[in-house]
Amino acid sequence: MPRINIAADANLIEELEQEAKKRGYTIYALTNIAIKSLLKLLKEGEDASVLENIVEYHRLSSSLDLVPVTSWYLENITRLAYEKDPNEYEKICEGVGEQIGSYLKSKANDINDLMEIYNMIKPLMPIRDVQIKDSNGLIEFRIYGTGFSAVSTLCASRIFSKIGESFGLEIKKVDALAGGIVTLIGKFSGPSNKLVT
């Protein structure tokens, strides 16, 4: 198969050459892997930027040791856990929120950085949208797509509350509605978390 030249940023090529050398790859092999992956996405109707989203999601899921499961499984396992012991269920959900919040705090300096991470992985997440409204010094986060049942949405509300707290959000009110809508209302402590809208 004939080879062709492809234009790319010189700095990126230099970094790629260094990484390829460290790992024992050729530039030819790496560019073919990247182009083949990108081509698959494009043929499936995806935007080219999804490739970057997948890389960011991979970093996040590897760091948090996430396990892919279906939403059907999660809905049923959360219902069973809640029926067994509602208090322990909520503690587990809060523990998950603390774990995720701690990780995200290591990657994002403030809530604006956190939203950049979310926007990067949004196409790959079950969370469909996050709307933020600043009203009279209180910040309202409305998060859509957090579960189907009241029980799974309750868990999501505990998780998001703990994530918010890790970024200095003093929670004033939490609503969890069946159908996957969580609303957090709070106030940030400290000027570093001034929301840029």
N, C-alpha and C. Protein backbone atom coordinates (compact mmCIF):
# COMPACT_ATOMS: atom_id res chain seq x y z
N MET A 1 0.85 -1.18 0.00
CA MET A 1 0.00 0.00 0.00
C MET A 1 0.90 1.24 0.00
N PRO A 2 0.65 2.19 -0.87
CA PRO A 2 1.51 3.38 -0.93
C PRO A 2 1.32 4.27 0.30
N ARG A 3 2.39 4.96 0.64
CA ARG A 3 2.35 5.90 1.77
C ARG A 3 2.15 7.30 1.21
N ILE A 4 1.49 8.13 2.05
CA ILE A 4 1.30 9.53 1.67
C ILE A 4 1.73 10.41 2.83
N ASN A 5 1.95 11.66 2.55
CA ASN A 5 2.28 12.62 3.61
C ASN A 5 0.99 13.23 4.15
N ILE A 6 0.96 13.41 5.46
CA ILE A 6 -0.18 14.04 6.13
C ILE A 6 0.34 15.25 6.88
N ALA A 7 -0.34 16.37 6.75
CA ALA A 7 0.07 17.58 7.45
C ALA A 7 -0.41 17.53 8.90
N ALA A 8 0.46 17.95 9.80
CA ALA A 8 0.12 18.01 11.23
C ALA A 8 1.00 19.06 11.89
N ASP A 9 0.58 19.52 13.06
CA ASP A 9 1.34 20.50 13.82
C ASP A 9 2.71 19.89 14.18
N ALA A 10 3.77 20.65 13.94
CA ALA A 10 5.14 20.16 14.15
C ALA A 10 5.39 19.76 15.61
N ASN A 11 4.85 20.53 16.55
CA ASN A 11 5.02 20.20 17.97
C ASN A 11 4.34 18.87 18.33
N LEU A 12 3.16 18.66 17.77
CA LEU A 12 2.46 17.39 18.02
C LEU A 12 3.26 16.22 17.46
N ILE A 13 3.80 16.38 16.27
CA ILE A 13 4.59 15.31 15.67
C ILE A 13 5.82 15.02 16.50
N GLU A 14 6.45 16.06 17.00
CA GLU A 14 7.64 15.87 17.84
C GLU A 14 7.29 15.10 19.11
N GLU A 15 6.18 15.47 19.75
CA GLU A 15 5.74 14.74 20.95
C GLU A 15 5.38 13.30 20.61
N LEU A 16 4.70 13.12 19.49
CA LEU A 16 4.32 11.78 19.06
C LEU A 16 5.55 10.91 18.80
N GLU A 17 6.55 11.47 18.15
CA GLU A 17 7.79 10.73 17.90
C GLU A 17 8.45 10.30 19.20
N GLN A 18 8.47 11.18 20.19
CA GLN A 18 9.06 10.85 21.49
C GLN A 18 8.30 9.71 22.18
N GLU A 19 6.96 9.83 22.18
CA GLU A 19 6.14 8.78 22.81
C GLU A 19 6.25 7.46 22.06
N ALA A 20 6.27 7.53 20.75
CA ALA A 20 6.39 6.32 19.93
C ALA A 20 7.70 5.61 20.24
N LYS A 21 8.77 6.38 20.32
CA LYS A 21 10.09 5.80 20.59
C LYS A 21 10.12 5.13 21.97
N LYS A 22 9.53 5.81 22.98
CA LYS A 22 9.50 5.25 24.34
C LYS A 22 8.75 3.92 24.39
N ARG A 23 7.70 3.82 23.58
CA ARG A 23 6.82 2.65 23.66
C ARG A 23 7.09 1.60 22.58
N GLY A 24 8.04 1.88 21.71
CA GLY A 24 8.38 0.91 20.69
C GLY A 24 7.47 0.88 19.48
N TYR A 25 6.81 1.99 19.22
CA TYR A 25 5.95 2.09 18.04
C TYR A 25 6.66 2.88 16.95
N THR A 26 6.19 2.70 15.73
CA THR A 26 6.63 3.57 14.64
C THR A 26 5.56 4.65 14.46
N ILE A 27 5.94 5.77 13.90
CA ILE A 27 4.96 6.82 13.60
C ILE A 27 3.91 6.28 12.63
N TYR A 28 4.34 5.47 11.68
CA TYR A 28 3.44 4.86 10.72
C TYR A 28 2.35 4.06 11.44
N ALA A 29 2.74 3.23 12.40
CA ALA A 29 1.77 2.40 13.13
C ALA A 29 0.80 3.27 13.93
N LEU A 30 1.34 4.26 14.64
CA LEU A 30 0.47 5.11 15.46
C LEU A 30 -0.51 5.93 14.63
N THR A 31 -0.05 6.50 13.54
CA THR A 31 -0.97 7.29 12.72
C THR A 31 -2.05 6.40 12.10
N ASN A 32 -1.71 5.19 11.74
CA ASN A 32 -2.71 4.29 11.19
C ASN A 32 -3.75 3.90 12.25
N ILE A 33 -3.31 3.66 13.48
CA ILE A 33 -4.25 3.35 14.57
C ILE A 33 -5.19 4.53 14.79
N ALA A 34 -4.62 5.74 14.87
CA ALA A 34 -5.43 6.94 15.12
C ALA A 34 -6.40 7.20 13.98
N ILE A 35 -5.92 7.11 12.74
CA ILE A 35 -6.78 7.38 11.59
C ILE A 35 -7.88 6.33 11.47
N LYS A 36 -7.54 5.06 11.73
CA LYS A 36 -8.54 3.99 11.67
C LYS A 36 -9.64 4.23 12.71
N SER A 37 -9.26 4.63 13.92
CA SER A 37 -10.25 4.90 14.98
C SER A 37 -11.12 6.09 14.61
N LEU A 38 -10.51 7.13 14.11
CA LEU A 38 -11.25 8.32 13.71
C LEU A 38 -12.20 7.99 12.55
N LEU A 39 -11.75 7.21 11.61
CA LEU A 39 -12.57 6.83 10.47
C LEU A 39 -13.81 6.05 10.92
N LYS A 40 -13.64 5.13 11.88
CA LYS A 40 -14.79 4.39 12.42
C LYS A 40 -15.83 5.35 13.00
N LEU A 41 -15.37 6.31 13.79
CA LEU A 41 -16.30 7.28 14.38
C LEU A 41 -17.04 8.08 13.31
N LEU A 42 -16.30 8.57 12.33
CA LEU A 42 -16.91 9.37 11.28
C LEU A 42 -17.93 8.56 10.49
N LYS A 43 -17.62 7.29 10.19
CA LYS A 43 -18.55 6.44 9.45
C LYS A 43 -19.82 6.16 10.25
N GLU A 44 -19.71 6.21 11.59
CA GLU A 44 -20.89 6.01 12.44
C GLU A 44 -21.67 7.30 12.65
N GLY A 45 -21.22 8.37 11.98
CA GLY A 45 -21.94 9.64 12.08
C GLY A 45 -21.52 10.52 13.24
N GLU A 46 -20.46 10.15 13.94
CA GLU A 46 -19.99 10.93 15.08
C GLU A 46 -19.13 12.10 14.61
N ASP A 47 -19.00 13.08 15.45
CA ASP A 47 -18.11 14.21 15.21
C ASP A 47 -16.69 13.77 15.56
N ALA A 48 -15.72 14.33 14.87
CA ALA A 48 -14.32 13.97 15.11
C ALA A 48 -13.88 14.24 16.54
N SER A 49 -14.48 15.24 17.19
CA SER A 49 -14.09 15.60 18.57
C SER A 49 -14.44 14.50 19.57
N VAL A 50 -15.31 13.56 19.20
CA VAL A 50 -15.68 12.46 20.09
C VAL A 50 -14.44 11.64 20.46
N LEU A 51 -13.46 11.58 19.57
CA LEU A 51 -12.24 10.84 19.87
C LEU A 51 -11.54 11.42 21.11
N GLU A 52 -11.47 12.74 21.20
CA GLU A 52 -10.90 13.38 22.40
C GLU A 52 -11.75 13.07 23.63
N ASN A 53 -13.07 13.08 23.46
CA ASN A 53 -13.97 12.77 24.58
C ASN A 53 -13.72 11.35 25.09
N ILE A 54 -13.51 10.43 24.17
CA ILE A 54 -13.26 9.04 24.56
C ILE A 54 -11.96 8.93 25.35
N VAL A 55 -10.95 9.65 24.92
CA VAL A 55 -9.66 9.63 25.64
C VAL A 55 -9.85 10.16 27.05
N GLU A 56 -10.56 11.28 27.21
CA GLU A 56 -10.79 11.86 28.54
C GLU A 56 -11.63 10.92 29.40
N TYR A 57 -12.65 10.31 28.82
CA TYR A 57 -13.49 9.36 29.55
C TYR A 57 -12.66 8.14 29.98
N HIS A 58 -11.77 7.68 29.10
CA HIS A 58 -10.90 6.55 29.44
C HIS A 58 -10.02 6.89 30.64
N ARG A 59 -9.46 8.09 30.65
CA ARG A 59 -8.63 8.51 31.79
C ARG A 59 -9.44 8.52 33.08
N LEU A 60 -10.64 9.06 33.01
CA LEU A 60 -11.50 9.14 34.18
C LEU A 60 -11.91 7.75 34.66
N SER A 61 -12.35 6.90 33.75
CA SER A 61 -12.82 5.57 34.15
C SER A 61 -11.68 4.70 34.65
N SER A 62 -10.49 4.86 34.10
CA SER A 62 -9.33 4.10 34.60
C SER A 62 -8.95 4.56 35.99
N SER A 63 -8.94 5.86 36.20
CA SER A 63 -8.55 6.41 37.51
C SER A 63 -9.54 6.03 38.60
N LEU A 64 -10.82 5.99 38.27
CA LEU A 64 -11.85 5.68 39.27
C LEU A 64 -12.22 4.20 39.30
N ASP A 65 -11.57 3.40 38.45
CA ASP A 65 -11.83 1.96 38.38
C ASP A 65 -13.32 1.70 38.11
N LEU A 66 -13.86 2.44 37.13
CA LEU A 66 -15.26 2.29 36.77
C LEU A 66 -15.48 0.98 36.01
N VAL A 67 -16.66 0.41 36.22
CA VAL A 67 -17.03 -0.82 35.54
C VAL A 67 -18.28 -0.52 34.71
N PRO A 68 -18.24 -0.76 33.41
CA PRO A 68 -19.44 -0.48 32.59
C PRO A 68 -20.53 -1.51 32.85
N VAL A 69 -21.70 -1.01 33.23
CA VAL A 69 -22.87 -1.87 33.41
C VAL A 69 -24.06 -1.15 32.78
N THR A 70 -25.09 -1.90 32.51
CA THR A 70 -26.28 -1.30 31.89
C THR A 70 -27.08 -0.51 32.92
N SER A 71 -27.84 0.45 32.44
CA SER A 71 -28.69 1.23 33.34
C SER A 71 -29.77 0.34 33.96
N TRP A 72 -30.22 -0.67 33.22
CA TRP A 72 -31.20 -1.61 33.76
C TRP A 72 -30.65 -2.30 35.01
N TYR A 73 -29.40 -2.75 34.93
CA TYR A 73 -28.76 -3.39 36.07
C TYR A 73 -28.67 -2.42 37.25
N LEU A 74 -28.21 -1.21 36.98
CA LEU A 74 -28.07 -0.22 38.06
C LEU A 74 -29.41 0.09 38.71
N GLU A 75 -30.45 0.26 37.91
CA GLU A 75 -31.78 0.56 38.46
C GLU A 75 -32.23 -0.56 39.40
N ASN A 76 -32.02 -1.80 38.99
CA ASN A 76 -32.48 -2.93 39.80
C ASN A 76 -31.62 -3.14 41.04
N ILE A 77 -30.33 -3.02 40.90
CA ILE A 77 -29.45 -3.23 42.06
C ILE A 77 -29.63 -2.12 43.09
N THR A 78 -29.86 -0.88 42.62
CA THR A 78 -30.09 0.21 43.57
C THR A 78 -31.42 0.01 44.30
N ARG A 79 -32.43 -0.45 43.60
CA ARG A 79 -33.73 -0.71 44.25
C ARG A 79 -33.59 -1.77 45.33
N LEU A 80 -32.89 -2.86 45.00
CA LEU A 80 -32.70 -3.93 45.98
C LEU A 80 -31.90 -3.46 47.19
N ALA A 81 -30.86 -2.70 46.95
CA ALA A 81 -30.04 -2.18 48.06
C ALA A 81 -30.85 -1.24 48.94
N TYR A 82 -31.66 -0.40 48.33
CA TYR A 82 -32.48 0.54 49.09
C TYR A 82 -33.52 -0.21 49.94
N GLU A 83 -34.15 -1.22 49.35
CA GLU A 83 -35.15 -2.00 50.08
C GLU A 83 -34.52 -2.73 51.26
N LYS A 84 -33.29 -3.16 51.11
CA LYS A 84 -32.59 -3.90 52.18
C LYS A 84 -32.25 -2.99 53.35
N ASP A 85 -31.69 -1.79 53.08
CA ASP A 85 -31.29 -0.87 54.15
C ASP A 85 -31.15 0.54 53.57
N PRO A 86 -32.22 1.34 53.64
CA PRO A 86 -32.19 2.68 53.04
C PRO A 86 -31.07 3.58 53.57
N ASN A 87 -30.79 3.51 54.86
CA ASN A 87 -29.74 4.37 55.43
C ASN A 87 -28.36 3.99 54.92
N GLU A 88 -28.08 2.70 54.89
CA GLU A 88 -26.78 2.25 54.38
C GLU A 88 -26.65 2.55 52.89
N TYR A 89 -27.73 2.41 52.17
CA TYR A 89 -27.76 2.75 50.74
C TYR A 89 -27.33 4.20 50.53
N GLU A 90 -27.92 5.12 51.29
CA GLU A 90 -27.58 6.53 51.14
C GLU A 90 -26.13 6.80 51.53
N LYS A 91 -25.63 6.11 52.55
CA LYS A 91 -24.22 6.26 52.95
C LYS A 91 -23.29 5.81 51.82
N ILE A 92 -23.63 4.71 51.17
CA ILE A 92 -22.82 4.22 50.05
C ILE A 92 -22.82 5.24 48.92
N CYS A 93 -23.99 5.79 48.62
CA CYS A 93 -24.08 6.81 47.56
C CYS A 93 -23.22 8.02 47.91
N GLU A 94 -23.25 8.45 49.16
CA GLU A 94 -22.43 9.58 49.59
C GLU A 94 -20.94 9.24 49.49
N GLY A 95 -20.59 7.99 49.83
CA GLY A 95 -19.20 7.56 49.70
C GLY A 95 -18.71 7.61 48.26
N VAL A 96 -19.59 7.22 47.34
CA VAL A 96 -19.25 7.30 45.91
C VAL A 96 -19.02 8.76 45.53
N GLY A 97 -19.90 9.65 46.01
CA GLY A 97 -19.76 11.08 45.72
C GLY A 97 -18.46 11.65 46.26
N GLU A 98 -18.07 11.23 47.47
CA GLU A 98 -16.81 11.69 48.06
C GLU A 98 -15.62 11.20 47.24
N GLN A 99 -15.68 9.94 46.79
CA GLN A 99 -14.60 9.37 45.99
C GLN A 99 -14.47 10.11 44.65
N ILE A 100 -15.59 10.30 43.96
CA ILE A 100 -15.56 10.99 42.68
C ILE A 100 -15.16 12.45 42.88
N GLY A 101 -15.70 13.09 43.92
CA GLY A 101 -15.36 14.48 44.21
C GLY A 101 -13.88 14.67 44.47
N SER A 102 -13.29 13.75 45.23
CA SER A 102 -11.86 13.82 45.53
C SER A 102 -11.03 13.70 44.25
N TYR A 103 -11.41 12.75 43.39
CA TYR A 103 -10.70 12.60 42.13
C TYR A 103 -10.83 13.85 41.27
N LEU A 104 -12.06 14.33 41.10
CA LEU A 104 -12.29 15.49 40.25
C LEU A 104 -11.59 16.73 40.79
N LYS A 105 -11.51 16.86 42.10
CA LYS A 105 -10.83 18.00 42.70
C LYS A 105 -9.34 17.96 42.36
N SER A 106 -8.79 16.77 42.15
CA SER A 106 -7.38 16.66 41.76
C SER A 106 -7.17 17.05 40.29
N LYS A 107 -8.24 17.08 39.52
CA LYS A 107 -8.15 17.41 38.09
C LYS A 107 -8.67 18.80 37.75
N ALA A 108 -9.49 19.37 38.63
CA ALA A 108 -10.12 20.66 38.36
C ALA A 108 -9.89 21.59 39.55
N ASN A 109 -9.44 22.80 39.27
CA ASN A 109 -9.18 23.77 40.34
C ASN A 109 -10.46 24.36 40.92
N ASP A 110 -11.48 24.50 40.09
CA ASP A 110 -12.72 25.11 40.55
C ASP A 110 -13.88 24.55 39.74
N ILE A 111 -15.06 25.09 40.01
CA ILE A 111 -16.27 24.58 39.36
C ILE A 111 -16.23 24.80 37.85
N ASN A 112 -15.58 25.86 37.41
CA ASN A 112 -15.49 26.12 35.97
C ASN A 112 -14.63 25.06 35.28
N ASP A 113 -13.52 24.68 35.91
CA ASP A 113 -12.70 23.59 35.37
C ASP A 113 -13.49 22.28 35.36
N LEU A 114 -14.28 22.07 36.41
CA LEU A 114 -15.09 20.86 36.49
C LEU A 114 -16.09 20.80 35.34
N MET A 115 -16.69 21.94 35.02
CA MET A 115 -17.64 21.97 33.91
C MET A 115 -16.94 21.73 32.58
N GLU A 116 -15.68 22.14 32.45
CA GLU A 116 -14.92 21.84 31.23
C GLU A 116 -14.73 20.33 31.08
N ILE A 117 -14.41 19.66 32.19
CA ILE A 117 -14.26 18.20 32.15
C ILE A 117 -15.59 17.57 31.76
N TYR A 118 -16.67 18.02 32.40
CA TYR A 118 -18.00 17.47 32.08
C TYR A 118 -18.31 17.66 30.60
N ASN A 119 -18.07 18.84 30.08
CA ASN A 119 -18.37 19.11 28.67
C ASN A 119 -17.56 18.23 27.73
N MET A 120 -16.36 17.85 28.17
CA MET A 120 -15.50 16.99 27.36
C MET A 120 -16.07 15.56 27.28
N ILE A 121 -16.58 15.06 28.41
CA ILE A 121 -17.05 13.67 28.43
C ILE A 121 -18.57 13.55 28.31
N LYS A 122 -19.26 14.67 28.24
CA LYS A 122 -20.72 14.69 28.18
C LYS A 122 -21.31 13.73 27.14
N PRO A 123 -20.78 13.67 25.92
CA PRO A 123 -21.40 12.77 24.94
C PRO A 123 -21.34 11.29 25.33
N LEU A 124 -20.49 10.94 26.27
CA LEU A 124 -20.32 9.54 26.66
C LEU A 124 -21.01 9.21 27.98
N MET A 125 -21.64 10.20 28.60
CA MET A 125 -22.22 10.02 29.92
C MET A 125 -23.74 9.86 29.84
N PRO A 126 -24.31 9.16 30.84
CA PRO A 126 -25.78 9.10 30.89
C PRO A 126 -26.38 10.43 31.33
N ILE A 127 -25.58 11.29 31.94
CA ILE A 127 -26.06 12.61 32.35
C ILE A 127 -26.22 13.43 31.08
N ARG A 128 -27.43 13.81 30.77
CA ARG A 128 -27.71 14.45 29.50
C ARG A 128 -27.45 15.95 29.49
N ASP A 129 -27.66 16.60 30.63
CA ASP A 129 -27.46 18.04 30.65
C ASP A 129 -27.27 18.53 32.07
N VAL A 130 -26.51 19.60 32.20
CA VAL A 130 -26.35 20.30 33.47
C VAL A 130 -26.63 21.77 33.17
N GLN A 131 -27.62 22.31 33.85
CA GLN A 131 -27.93 23.73 33.71
C GLN A 131 -27.58 24.42 35.01
N ILE A 132 -26.97 25.59 34.90
CA ILE A 132 -26.54 26.33 36.08
C ILE A 132 -27.14 27.72 36.02
N LYS A 133 -27.71 28.13 37.15
CA LYS A 133 -28.31 29.45 37.24
C LYS A 133 -27.80 30.12 38.51
N ASP A 134 -27.34 31.35 38.39
CA ASP A 134 -26.88 32.15 39.52
C ASP A 134 -27.98 33.13 39.86
N SER A 135 -28.53 33.02 41.07
CA SER A 135 -29.66 33.86 41.46
C SER A 135 -29.49 34.36 42.88
N ASN A 136 -29.28 35.66 43.01
CA ASN A 136 -29.17 36.30 44.34
C ASN A 136 -28.12 35.64 45.22
N GLY A 137 -26.98 35.32 44.66
CA GLY A 137 -25.89 34.74 45.44
C GLY A 137 -25.99 33.24 45.63
N LEU A 138 -27.10 32.64 45.22
CA LEU A 138 -27.25 31.18 45.29
C LEU A 138 -27.09 30.60 43.90
N ILE A 139 -26.44 29.47 43.83
CA ILE A 139 -26.22 28.78 42.56
C ILE A 139 -27.16 27.58 42.52
N GLU A 140 -27.89 27.45 41.42
CA GLU A 140 -28.76 26.30 41.23
C GLU A 140 -28.19 25.45 40.11
N PHE A 141 -27.94 24.18 40.43
CA PHE A 141 -27.52 23.19 39.45
C PHE A 141 -28.71 22.28 39.20
N ARG A 142 -29.10 22.15 37.94
CA ARG A 142 -30.15 21.21 37.57
C ARG A 142 -29.50 20.19 36.66
N ILE A 143 -29.53 18.93 37.09
CA ILE A 143 -28.82 17.85 36.41
C ILE A 143 -29.86 16.87 35.88
N TYR A 144 -29.83 16.63 34.58
CA TYR A 144 -30.82 15.77 33.92
C TYR A 144 -30.17 14.45 33.48
N GLY A 145 -30.93 13.37 33.63
CA GLY A 145 -30.45 12.08 33.15
C GLY A 145 -29.68 11.31 34.20
N THR A 146 -30.11 11.41 35.47
CA THR A 146 -29.36 10.80 36.56
C THR A 146 -29.96 9.49 37.04
N GLY A 147 -30.94 8.99 36.36
CA GLY A 147 -31.59 7.74 36.74
C GLY A 147 -33.03 7.76 36.28
N PHE A 148 -33.73 6.67 36.47
CA PHE A 148 -35.13 6.61 36.07
C PHE A 148 -36.03 6.61 37.29
N SER A 149 -35.70 5.78 38.27
CA SER A 149 -36.55 5.64 39.44
C SER A 149 -36.21 6.69 40.49
N ALA A 150 -37.12 6.84 41.44
CA ALA A 150 -36.89 7.77 42.56
C ALA A 150 -35.67 7.33 43.37
N VAL A 151 -35.48 6.02 43.50
CA VAL A 151 -34.37 5.49 44.30
C VAL A 151 -33.02 5.80 43.65
N SER A 152 -32.90 5.56 42.36
CA SER A 152 -31.61 5.83 41.71
C SER A 152 -31.34 7.34 41.63
N THR A 153 -32.39 8.14 41.47
CA THR A 153 -32.21 9.59 41.44
C THR A 153 -31.83 10.10 42.82
N LEU A 154 -32.36 9.48 43.87
CA LEU A 154 -31.95 9.83 45.24
C LEU A 154 -30.45 9.61 45.41
N CYS A 155 -29.97 8.47 44.94
CA CYS A 155 -28.54 8.17 45.03
C CYS A 155 -27.73 9.21 44.26
N ALA A 156 -28.19 9.53 43.05
CA ALA A 156 -27.49 10.55 42.25
C ALA A 156 -27.44 11.88 42.98
N SER A 157 -28.51 12.23 43.69
CA SER A 157 -28.52 13.50 44.42
C SER A 157 -27.49 13.50 45.53
N ARG A 158 -27.29 12.36 46.19
CA ARG A 158 -26.27 12.26 47.25
C ARG A 158 -24.87 12.35 46.64
N ILE A 159 -24.69 11.71 45.49
CA ILE A 159 -23.39 11.75 44.81
C ILE A 159 -23.06 13.17 44.39
N PHE A 160 -23.99 13.84 43.72
CA PHE A 160 -23.74 15.20 43.24
C PHE A 160 -23.56 16.19 44.39
N SER A 161 -24.27 15.97 45.50
CA SER A 161 -24.09 16.84 46.67
C SER A 161 -22.66 16.76 47.19
N LYS A 162 -22.14 15.55 47.27
CA LYS A 162 -20.77 15.37 47.77
C LYS A 162 -19.74 15.93 46.78
N ILE A 163 -20.00 15.77 45.50
CA ILE A 163 -19.09 16.36 44.51
C ILE A 163 -19.11 17.88 44.66
N GLY A 164 -20.29 18.46 44.78
CA GLY A 164 -20.41 19.91 44.98
C GLY A 164 -19.69 20.37 46.23
N GLU A 165 -19.85 19.63 47.32
CA GLU A 165 -19.18 19.98 48.57
C GLU A 165 -17.66 19.95 48.42
N SER A 166 -17.15 19.03 47.63
CA SER A 166 -15.70 18.95 47.45
C SER A 166 -15.16 20.19 46.73
N PHE A 167 -16.04 20.92 46.04
CA PHE A 167 -15.65 22.16 45.38
C PHE A 167 -16.10 23.40 46.16
N GLY A 168 -16.45 23.20 47.42
CA GLY A 168 -16.80 24.32 48.29
C GLY A 168 -18.24 24.78 48.19
N LEU A 169 -19.12 23.94 47.66
CA LEU A 169 -20.53 24.31 47.58
C LEU A 169 -21.21 23.96 48.89
N GLU A 170 -21.73 24.97 49.57
CA GLU A 170 -22.52 24.75 50.78
C GLU A 170 -23.94 24.48 50.34
N ILE A 171 -24.38 23.24 50.47
CA ILE A 171 -25.68 22.82 49.98
C ILE A 171 -26.78 23.38 50.88
N LYS A 172 -27.73 24.06 50.26
CA LYS A 172 -28.87 24.62 50.99
C LYS A 172 -30.12 23.78 50.77
N LYS A 173 -30.25 23.20 49.56
CA LYS A 173 -31.44 22.42 49.23
C LYS A 173 -31.10 21.42 48.13
N VAL A 174 -31.68 20.23 48.25
CA VAL A 174 -31.51 19.18 47.24
C VAL A 174 -32.88 18.61 46.91
N ASP A 175 -33.18 18.53 45.64
CA ASP A 175 -34.41 17.87 45.17
C ASP A 175 -34.02 16.76 44.22
N ALA A 176 -34.63 15.60 44.40
CA ALA A 176 -34.40 14.47 43.50
C ALA A 176 -35.76 14.00 43.00
N LEU A 177 -36.00 14.14 41.71
CA LEU A 177 -37.28 13.75 41.13
C LEU A 177 -37.12 12.49 40.30
N ALA A 178 -38.06 11.57 40.47
CA ALA A 178 -38.05 10.37 39.64
C ALA A 178 -38.05 10.80 38.18
N GLY A 179 -37.33 10.08 37.39
CA GLY A 179 -37.17 10.47 35.99
C GLY A 179 -35.79 11.04 35.75
N GLY A 180 -35.01 11.18 36.82
CA GLY A 180 -33.62 11.55 36.66
C GLY A 180 -33.30 13.02 36.68
N ILE A 181 -34.02 13.79 37.48
CA ILE A 181 -33.70 15.22 37.59
C ILE A 181 -33.28 15.52 39.03
N VAL A 182 -32.07 16.05 39.17
CA VAL A 182 -31.56 16.45 40.48
C VAL A 182 -31.32 17.95 40.46
N THR A 183 -31.80 18.63 41.49
CA THR A 183 -31.54 20.05 41.64
C THR A 183 -30.78 20.28 42.93
N LEU A 184 -29.65 20.94 42.82
CA LEU A 184 -28.86 21.34 43.98
C LEU A 184 -28.87 22.86 44.04
N ILE A 185 -29.12 23.39 45.20
CA ILE A 185 -29.05 24.83 45.41
C ILE A 185 -28.08 25.06 46.54
N GLY A 186 -27.13 25.95 46.31
CA GLY A 186 -26.13 26.20 47.33
C GLY A 186 -25.37 27.48 47.07
N LYS A 187 -24.38 27.68 47.90
CA LYS A 187 -23.54 28.87 47.82
C LYS A 187 -22.10 28.43 47.94
N PHE A 188 -21.25 28.99 47.08
CA PHE A 188 -19.84 28.64 47.15
C PHE A 188 -19.15 29.41 48.25
N SER A 189 -18.31 28.70 48.98
CA SER A 189 -17.47 29.37 49.96
C SER A 189 -16.15 29.72 49.29
N GLY A 190 -15.74 30.94 49.40
CA GLY A 190 -14.47 31.36 48.81
C GLY A 190 -14.62 31.91 47.42
N PRO A 191 -13.76 32.86 47.07
CA PRO A 191 -13.83 33.50 45.76
C PRO A 191 -13.32 32.65 44.61
N SER A 192 -12.57 31.59 44.89
CA SER A 192 -11.99 30.79 43.82
C SER A 192 -13.03 30.02 43.02
N ASN A 193 -14.23 29.91 43.57
CA ASN A 193 -15.27 29.17 42.87
C ASN A 193 -16.33 30.07 42.28
N LYS A 194 -15.92 31.27 41.90
CA LYS A 194 -16.85 32.18 41.21
C LYS A 194 -17.21 31.54 39.87
N LEU A 195 -18.48 31.38 39.66
CA LEU A 195 -18.96 30.73 38.45
C LEU A 195 -18.88 31.67 37.27
N VAL A 196 -18.27 31.21 36.18
CA VAL A 196 -18.22 31.98 34.95
C VAL A 196 -19.35 31.49 34.07
N THR A 197 -20.30 32.36 33.76
CA THR A 197 -21.45 31.92 32.94
C THR A 197 -21.30 32.40 31.52
